[in-house]
Amino acid sequence: MQPLPSPIHLRQLKNQSKDLRDACRAGQTDALARLYQHHPQHSPQATRTLSLQDVQLVIAREQGYDSWPRLVAAAEQAHKPTSPFDDFVGVSAVADETRRLLASASVSSKPVLLIGEPGTGKRTCARLLHEAGSRSSHLLQQLTCSGNETLVESNLFGHEVDAFTGARASLDGLLQTGDGGSLLLDDVEQLGAEAQIKMQSYLDLGRFRRLGAAAELSSDVRVIAATSSATLESLQRVLREDLFYQLTVLVVELPPLRDRPEDIEPLVQHFATQAIDEVAPRIERPKFLPAAMTALREHPWPGNVRQLRNTVERAVITSDGTSIGADQLQLSAVVDLV
């Protein structure tokens, strides 16, 4: 199949169809060869009544499509303007609403809170927010807030020599190294009490102090917080009130996969294409048979989109043919990598 023509090329092909019709009517050998190859029901005696639709069908078939309207529709779809948030794949109403909220949040520098179950795409959304905003030329950094509180504070704010046991050299924290960019605070509900106080102050004033330092530093980092807490109310119970309200200026709740089953098929095609592009970009993407798609739609997906991606990638990589059946999905043996 030929690469899909651009809108300009498509108009050129449409204009060329008239020339092809006239050439066939005039009996030109090359034109007739194209006609008989792609529209074999036309005989030499029928070329005088050849219609524009007939030669457009020839051109479409040369491009790998069985009709001119299908070629036009595929070309328009392939070349339509894209949104930075198209990577949040889905055709459901909740997917549309999520993309709308992300687009609205991307034009601001206010903190954003991404809330959703593990595997719903919080890191992907943080990347999309960063890439679509005015900070895309700077760093997007990430810090997981769970673990040793002193180390979390050190990574976030930086530290001086001997600020704590084992601090043999000074360290620039993410708020300093990421000036001008964005910072994803993953598992923000696990941020320690002292770090919460300092982070709230930073969000207010844009200033922070490294551990063990006397002087304050300033930076401009857009904070994107992410949590797997079930509700905003549960998050509010573990965060300081002032920090909670700072982080919830803009909230994007990411739906679990079970709430958008109509998105299973486009997600499967998306992940299958990605897997092929990574391992063997020149081979054809295997087709998921109807039974396989039914099994995928009916699976509960406790690990959400991440689990679906892992399942699709495994099926594509281990496939030895052009199609994938339900038995090749190994859904009963899927381990939730969340």
Protein backbone atom coordinates (compact mmCIF):
# COMPACT_ATOMS: atom_id res chain seq x y z
CA MET A 1 0.00 0.00 0.00
CA GLN A 2 1.26 3.44 -0.92
CA PRO A 3 1.74 6.14 1.73
CA LEU A 4 -1.48 8.08 2.16
CA PRO A 5 -1.49 11.22 0.01
CA SER A 6 -1.53 14.64 1.60
CA PRO A 7 -4.55 16.91 0.97
CA ILE A 8 -2.59 18.72 -1.76
CA HIS A 9 -1.53 15.44 -3.39
CA LEU A 10 -5.11 14.19 -3.15
CA ARG A 11 -6.32 17.21 -5.14
CA GLN A 12 -3.59 16.55 -7.69
CA LEU A 13 -4.74 12.94 -8.01
CA LYS A 14 -8.30 14.14 -8.54
CA ASN A 15 -7.15 16.43 -11.34
CA GLN A 16 -5.05 13.63 -12.83
CA SER A 17 -8.12 11.42 -13.02
CA LYS A 18 -9.52 13.62 -15.78
CA ASP A 19 -6.29 13.29 -17.75
CA LEU A 20 -6.38 9.51 -17.26
CA ARG A 21 -9.97 9.35 -18.51
CA ASP A 22 -9.11 11.33 -21.62
CA ALA A 23 -6.00 9.23 -22.26
CA CYS A 24 -8.02 6.01 -21.97
CA ARG A 25 -10.65 7.36 -24.34
CA ALA A 26 -7.88 8.24 -26.79
CA GLY A 27 -6.55 4.67 -26.59
CA GLN A 28 -3.14 5.46 -25.11
CA THR A 29 -1.39 2.19 -24.26
CA ASP A 30 -0.06 3.09 -20.79
CA ALA A 31 -3.40 4.53 -19.67
CA LEU A 32 -5.31 1.47 -20.90
CA ALA A 33 -2.87 -0.84 -19.10
CA ARG A 34 -3.62 0.95 -15.82
CA LEU A 35 -7.36 0.72 -16.51
CA TYR A 36 -7.36 -3.00 -17.33
CA GLN A 37 -5.15 -3.84 -14.35
CA HIS A 38 -7.30 -2.10 -11.77
CA HIS A 39 -10.72 -2.08 -13.46
CA PRO A 40 -10.70 -5.30 -15.50
CA GLN A 41 -14.41 -5.27 -16.37
CA HIS A 42 -13.71 -2.46 -18.81
CA SER A 43 -13.06 -3.66 -22.33
CA PRO A 44 -11.48 -1.69 -25.19
CA GLN A 45 -14.96 -1.14 -26.59
CA ALA A 46 -16.15 0.53 -23.35
CA THR A 47 -13.48 3.21 -23.09
CA ARG A 48 -15.54 5.76 -24.99
CA THR A 49 -18.12 5.81 -22.17
CA LEU A 50 -15.52 5.72 -19.39
CA SER A 51 -16.68 7.88 -16.47
CA LEU A 52 -14.72 9.99 -14.02
CA GLN A 53 -15.76 7.60 -11.23
CA ASP A 54 -14.23 4.70 -13.17
CA VAL A 55 -10.78 6.25 -13.37
CA GLN A 56 -10.97 7.48 -9.78
CA LEU A 57 -11.49 3.84 -8.82
CA VAL A 58 -8.33 2.97 -10.76
CA ILE A 59 -6.33 5.60 -8.89
CA ALA A 60 -7.76 4.47 -5.53
CA ARG A 61 -6.82 0.86 -6.23
CA GLU A 62 -3.31 1.93 -7.20
CA GLN A 63 -3.13 3.50 -3.73
CA GLY A 64 -4.34 0.26 -2.10
CA TYR A 65 -8.02 1.16 -1.54
CA ASP A 66 -11.11 -0.42 -3.06
CA SER A 67 -12.93 2.86 -3.67
CA TRP A 68 -12.20 6.56 -4.15
CA PRO A 69 -14.33 7.66 -1.15
CA ARG A 70 -12.41 5.29 1.13
CA LEU A 71 -9.09 6.66 -0.10
CA VAL A 72 -10.31 10.22 0.53
CA ALA A 73 -11.60 9.36 4.02
CA ALA A 74 -8.36 7.58 4.99
CA ALA A 75 -6.20 10.44 3.69
CA GLU A 76 -8.25 13.05 5.53
CA GLN A 77 -8.12 11.05 8.74
CA ALA A 78 -4.36 10.52 8.48
CA HIS A 79 -3.62 14.18 7.82
CA LYS A 80 -6.16 15.86 10.06
CA PRO A 81 -4.72 18.30 12.63
CA THR A 82 -3.61 16.44 15.73
CA SER A 83 -3.87 17.42 19.35
CA PRO A 84 -1.01 16.95 21.82
CA PHE A 85 -3.52 15.00 23.91
CA ASP A 86 -4.32 12.39 21.25
CA ASP A 87 -1.92 10.08 23.12
CA PHE A 88 -4.68 9.75 25.71
CA VAL A 89 -6.34 7.22 23.43
CA GLY A 90 -10.08 6.61 23.44
CA VAL A 91 -13.38 7.33 21.73
CA SER A 92 -15.59 7.34 24.84
CA ALA A 93 -17.22 10.40 26.36
CA VAL A 94 -15.00 10.11 29.45
CA ALA A 95 -11.87 10.03 27.27
CA ASP A 96 -13.08 13.15 25.44
CA GLU A 97 -13.69 14.89 28.76
CA THR A 98 -10.26 13.90 30.06
CA ARG A 99 -8.59 15.34 26.95
CA ARG A 100 -10.63 18.53 27.36
CA LEU A 101 -9.55 18.94 30.99
CA LEU A 102 -5.92 18.28 30.12
CA ALA A 103 -6.04 20.86 27.34
CA SER A 104 -7.55 23.44 29.71
CA ALA A 105 -4.91 22.73 32.36
CA SER A 106 -2.03 22.91 29.88
CA VAL A 107 -2.40 26.67 29.33
CA SER A 108 -1.87 27.43 33.03
CA SER A 109 1.13 27.22 35.34
CA LYS A 110 -1.01 26.42 38.37
CA PRO A 111 -0.52 23.05 40.10
CA VAL A 112 -2.47 20.14 38.66
CA LEU A 113 -3.65 17.08 40.55
CA LEU A 114 -4.01 13.83 38.59
CA ILE A 115 -6.10 11.33 40.50
CA GLY A 116 -6.75 7.78 39.38
CA GLU A 117 -6.19 4.12 40.10
CA PRO A 118 -2.78 2.58 39.36
CA GLY A 119 -2.33 2.08 35.63
CA THR A 120 -4.81 4.72 34.46
CA GLY A 121 -2.17 6.87 32.77
CA LYS A 122 -1.15 9.52 35.28
CA ARG A 123 2.46 9.65 34.08
CA THR A 124 1.34 9.82 30.47
CA CYS A 125 -0.96 12.72 31.29
CA ALA A 126 1.82 14.53 33.14
CA ARG A 127 4.01 14.21 30.05
CA LEU A 128 1.21 15.50 27.81
CA LEU A 129 0.58 18.48 30.10
CA HIS A 130 4.27 19.35 30.02
CA GLU A 131 4.72 18.89 26.26
CA ALA A 132 1.61 20.92 25.40
CA GLY A 133 2.48 23.85 27.65
CA SER A 134 4.92 26.72 27.45
CA ARG A 135 7.53 24.77 29.48
CA SER A 136 8.07 22.01 26.93
CA SER A 137 11.60 23.18 26.09
CA HIS A 138 12.61 22.63 29.73
CA LEU A 139 12.80 19.49 31.86
CA LEU A 140 9.94 17.34 33.04
CA GLN A 141 11.24 15.64 36.18
CA GLN A 142 9.63 13.07 38.45
CA LEU A 143 9.86 12.27 42.14
CA THR A 144 8.10 9.43 43.92
CA CYS A 145 7.12 10.70 47.36
CA SER A 146 7.15 7.33 49.09
CA GLY A 147 10.20 6.03 50.91
CA ASN A 148 12.67 7.63 53.31
CA GLU A 149 11.39 11.13 54.16
CA THR A 150 14.85 12.69 54.43
CA LEU A 151 15.88 11.36 51.03
CA VAL A 152 12.63 12.57 49.49
CA GLU A 153 13.22 16.05 50.93
CA SER A 154 16.83 15.98 49.76
CA ASN A 155 15.87 15.03 46.21
CA LEU A 156 13.16 17.68 46.16
CA PHE A 157 14.88 20.66 47.81
CA GLY A 158 18.56 19.68 47.71
CA HIS A 159 20.99 19.62 50.63
CA GLU A 160 24.31 20.95 51.85
CA VAL A 161 27.30 18.91 53.00
CA ASP A 162 26.65 17.22 56.37
CA ALA A 163 22.99 18.26 56.34
CA PHE A 164 22.24 14.71 57.52
CA THR A 165 24.14 11.49 58.10
CA GLY A 166 25.71 10.37 54.84
CA ALA A 167 25.48 13.77 53.10
CA ARG A 168 29.14 13.90 52.04
CA ALA A 169 28.53 16.31 49.16
CA SER A 170 26.01 18.98 48.39
CA LEU A 171 23.10 18.19 46.07
CA ASP A 172 20.95 20.37 43.85
CA GLY A 173 17.31 19.36 44.29
CA LEU A 174 14.72 18.97 41.55
CA LEU A 175 13.21 22.39 42.27
CA GLN A 176 16.59 23.90 41.44
CA THR A 177 17.63 21.74 38.47
CA GLY A 178 14.18 21.91 36.94
CA ASP A 179 13.80 25.69 36.95
CA GLY A 180 11.46 26.67 34.12
CA GLY A 181 10.12 23.14 33.70
CA SER A 182 7.64 20.80 35.33
CA LEU A 183 7.83 18.36 38.23
CA LEU A 184 5.63 15.30 38.70
CA LEU A 185 5.18 14.45 42.38
CA ASP A 186 4.01 10.86 42.17
CA ASP A 187 2.26 9.27 45.19
CA VAL A 188 1.89 12.76 46.65
CA GLU A 189 -0.31 11.35 49.42
CA GLN A 190 2.86 9.84 50.93
CA LEU A 191 4.76 13.12 51.19
CA GLY A 192 6.11 13.58 54.73
CA ALA A 193 4.82 16.24 57.10
CA GLU A 194 7.95 18.42 56.97
CA ALA A 195 8.13 18.23 53.19
CA GLN A 196 4.46 19.20 52.97
CA ILE A 197 5.15 22.41 54.92
CA LYS A 198 8.08 23.29 52.67
CA MET A 199 6.20 22.45 49.48
CA GLN A 200 3.22 24.57 50.48
CA SER A 201 5.59 27.49 51.13
CA TYR A 202 7.23 26.97 47.75
CA LEU A 203 3.89 26.97 45.95
CA ASP A 204 3.03 30.24 47.72
CA LEU A 205 6.30 32.11 47.24
CA GLY A 206 8.39 30.27 44.67
CA ARG A 207 11.23 30.02 47.19
CA PHE A 208 12.79 27.10 49.06
CA ARG A 209 15.77 26.27 51.28
CA ARG A 210 18.10 23.31 50.78
CA LEU A 211 18.50 21.00 53.78
CA GLY A 212 21.18 22.45 56.03
CA ALA A 213 21.27 25.82 54.19
CA ALA A 214 20.68 29.28 55.64
CA ALA A 215 19.88 31.12 52.41
CA GLU A 216 16.76 30.69 50.32
CA LEU A 217 16.75 29.97 46.60
CA SER A 218 14.06 30.75 44.05
CA SER A 219 12.84 28.81 41.04
CA ASP A 220 9.81 28.50 38.78
CA VAL A 221 8.64 24.91 38.48
CA ARG A 222 5.13 23.83 37.55
CA VAL A 223 4.04 21.13 39.99
CA ILE A 224 1.96 18.21 38.74
CA ALA A 225 0.87 15.96 41.60
CA ALA A 226 -0.42 12.43 41.14
CA THR A 227 -2.22 10.20 43.58
CA SER A 228 -3.87 6.80 43.59
CA SER A 229 -6.12 7.80 46.49
CA ALA A 230 -9.66 6.71 45.79
CA THR A 231 -11.22 10.13 46.38
CA LEU A 232 -10.31 13.74 47.01
CA GLU A 233 -11.70 13.29 50.52
CA SER A 234 -9.21 10.51 51.29
CA LEU A 235 -6.37 12.67 49.98
CA GLN A 236 -7.51 15.60 52.11
CA ARG A 237 -7.22 13.43 55.21
CA VAL A 238 -3.47 12.86 54.69
CA LEU A 239 -2.34 16.25 53.36
CA ARG A 240 -2.10 19.55 55.19
CA GLU A 241 -5.18 21.60 54.46
CA ASP A 242 -3.27 24.49 52.90
CA LEU A 243 -1.24 22.17 50.65
CA PHE A 244 -4.35 20.23 49.67
CA TYR A 245 -6.05 23.39 48.44
CA GLN A 246 -2.89 24.50 46.62
CA LEU A 247 -2.70 21.20 44.75
CA THR A 248 -6.38 21.00 43.85
CA VAL A 249 -6.71 24.22 41.89
CA LEU A 250 -6.91 22.04 38.77
CA VAL A 251 -8.01 18.42 39.15
CA VAL A 252 -8.12 15.76 36.43
CA GLU A 253 -9.68 12.47 37.48
CA LEU A 254 -8.57 9.62 35.22
CA PRO A 255 -11.25 6.96 34.68
CA PRO A 256 -10.50 3.27 35.24
CA LEU A 257 -10.59 1.14 32.10
CA ARG A 258 -13.71 -0.70 33.27
CA ASP A 259 -15.62 2.59 32.98
CA ARG A 260 -14.73 3.03 29.31
CA PRO A 261 -14.99 -0.39 27.61
CA GLU A 262 -15.54 1.23 24.21
CA ASP A 263 -11.92 2.42 24.41
CA ILE A 264 -10.53 -1.14 24.54
CA GLU A 265 -10.36 -1.60 20.77
CA PRO A 266 -8.63 1.72 19.89
CA LEU A 267 -6.20 1.16 22.78
CA VAL A 268 -5.42 -2.34 21.52
CA GLN A 269 -4.70 -1.04 18.00
CA HIS A 270 -2.59 1.80 19.44
CA PHE A 271 -0.46 -0.50 21.61
CA ALA A 272 -0.14 -3.11 18.84
CA THR A 273 1.17 -0.47 16.45
CA GLN A 274 3.65 0.79 19.06
CA ALA A 275 4.89 -2.74 19.70
CA ILE A 276 5.41 -3.39 15.98
CA ASP A 277 7.20 -0.07 15.51
CA GLU A 278 9.60 -0.96 18.32
CA VAL A 279 10.43 -4.57 17.45
CA ALA A 280 9.91 -4.89 13.68
CA PRO A 281 8.64 -1.75 11.96
CA ARG A 282 8.60 -3.34 8.50
CA ILE A 283 6.20 -6.18 9.29
CA GLU A 284 2.43 -6.01 9.15
CA ARG A 285 0.52 -5.51 12.38
CA PRO A 286 -1.24 -8.77 13.33
CA LYS A 287 -5.01 -8.65 13.41
CA PHE A 288 -6.83 -9.36 16.67
CA LEU A 289 -9.56 -11.85 15.81
CA PRO A 290 -13.15 -11.18 16.96
CA ALA A 291 -12.88 -13.75 19.76
CA ALA A 292 -9.73 -12.05 21.03
CA MET A 293 -11.36 -8.62 20.99
CA THR A 294 -14.39 -10.01 22.84
CA ALA A 295 -12.12 -11.51 25.51
CA LEU A 296 -10.27 -8.21 25.87
CA ARG A 297 -13.50 -6.23 26.23
CA GLU A 298 -14.86 -8.63 28.86
CA HIS A 299 -11.70 -8.80 30.99
CA PRO A 300 -11.99 -6.75 34.25
CA TRP A 301 -8.52 -5.12 33.89
CA PRO A 302 -7.69 -4.44 37.54
CA GLY A 303 -4.35 -3.03 36.33
CA ASN A 304 -6.16 -0.69 33.91
CA VAL A 305 -4.48 0.63 30.77
CA ARG A 306 -0.99 -0.42 31.87
CA GLN A 307 -2.11 -4.04 32.20
CA LEU A 308 -3.86 -3.91 28.81
CA ARG A 309 -0.69 -2.52 27.21
CA ASN A 310 1.43 -5.31 28.69
CA THR A 311 -1.03 -7.93 27.44
CA VAL A 312 -1.17 -6.52 23.91
CA GLU A 313 2.61 -6.13 23.67
CA ARG A 314 3.18 -9.72 24.78
CA ALA A 315 0.62 -11.03 22.28
CA VAL A 316 2.13 -9.06 19.39
CA ILE A 317 5.74 -9.91 20.20
CA THR A 318 5.05 -13.64 20.63
CA SER A 319 2.72 -13.89 17.64
CA ASP A 320 4.07 -15.96 14.76
CA GLY A 321 1.37 -15.10 12.26
CA THR A 322 -0.88 -12.36 10.93
CA SER A 323 -3.65 -12.87 13.48
CA ILE A 324 -4.03 -13.18 17.24
CA GLY A 325 -6.69 -15.37 18.82
CA ALA A 326 -8.15 -15.37 22.32
CA ASP A 327 -5.89 -18.24 23.45
CA GLN A 328 -2.76 -16.23 22.59
CA LEU A 329 -3.73 -13.45 25.02
CA GLN A 330 -3.05 -15.66 28.07
CA LEU A 331 -5.53 -13.60 30.06
CA SER A 332 -5.87 -16.23 32.77
CA ALA A 333 -2.13 -16.00 33.41
CA VAL A 334 -1.83 -12.23 33.31
CA VAL A 335 0.07 -10.81 36.26
CA ASP A 336 -0.98 -7.32 37.28
CA LEU A 337 2.13 -5.21 36.93
CA VAL A 338 0.75 -2.11 38.63
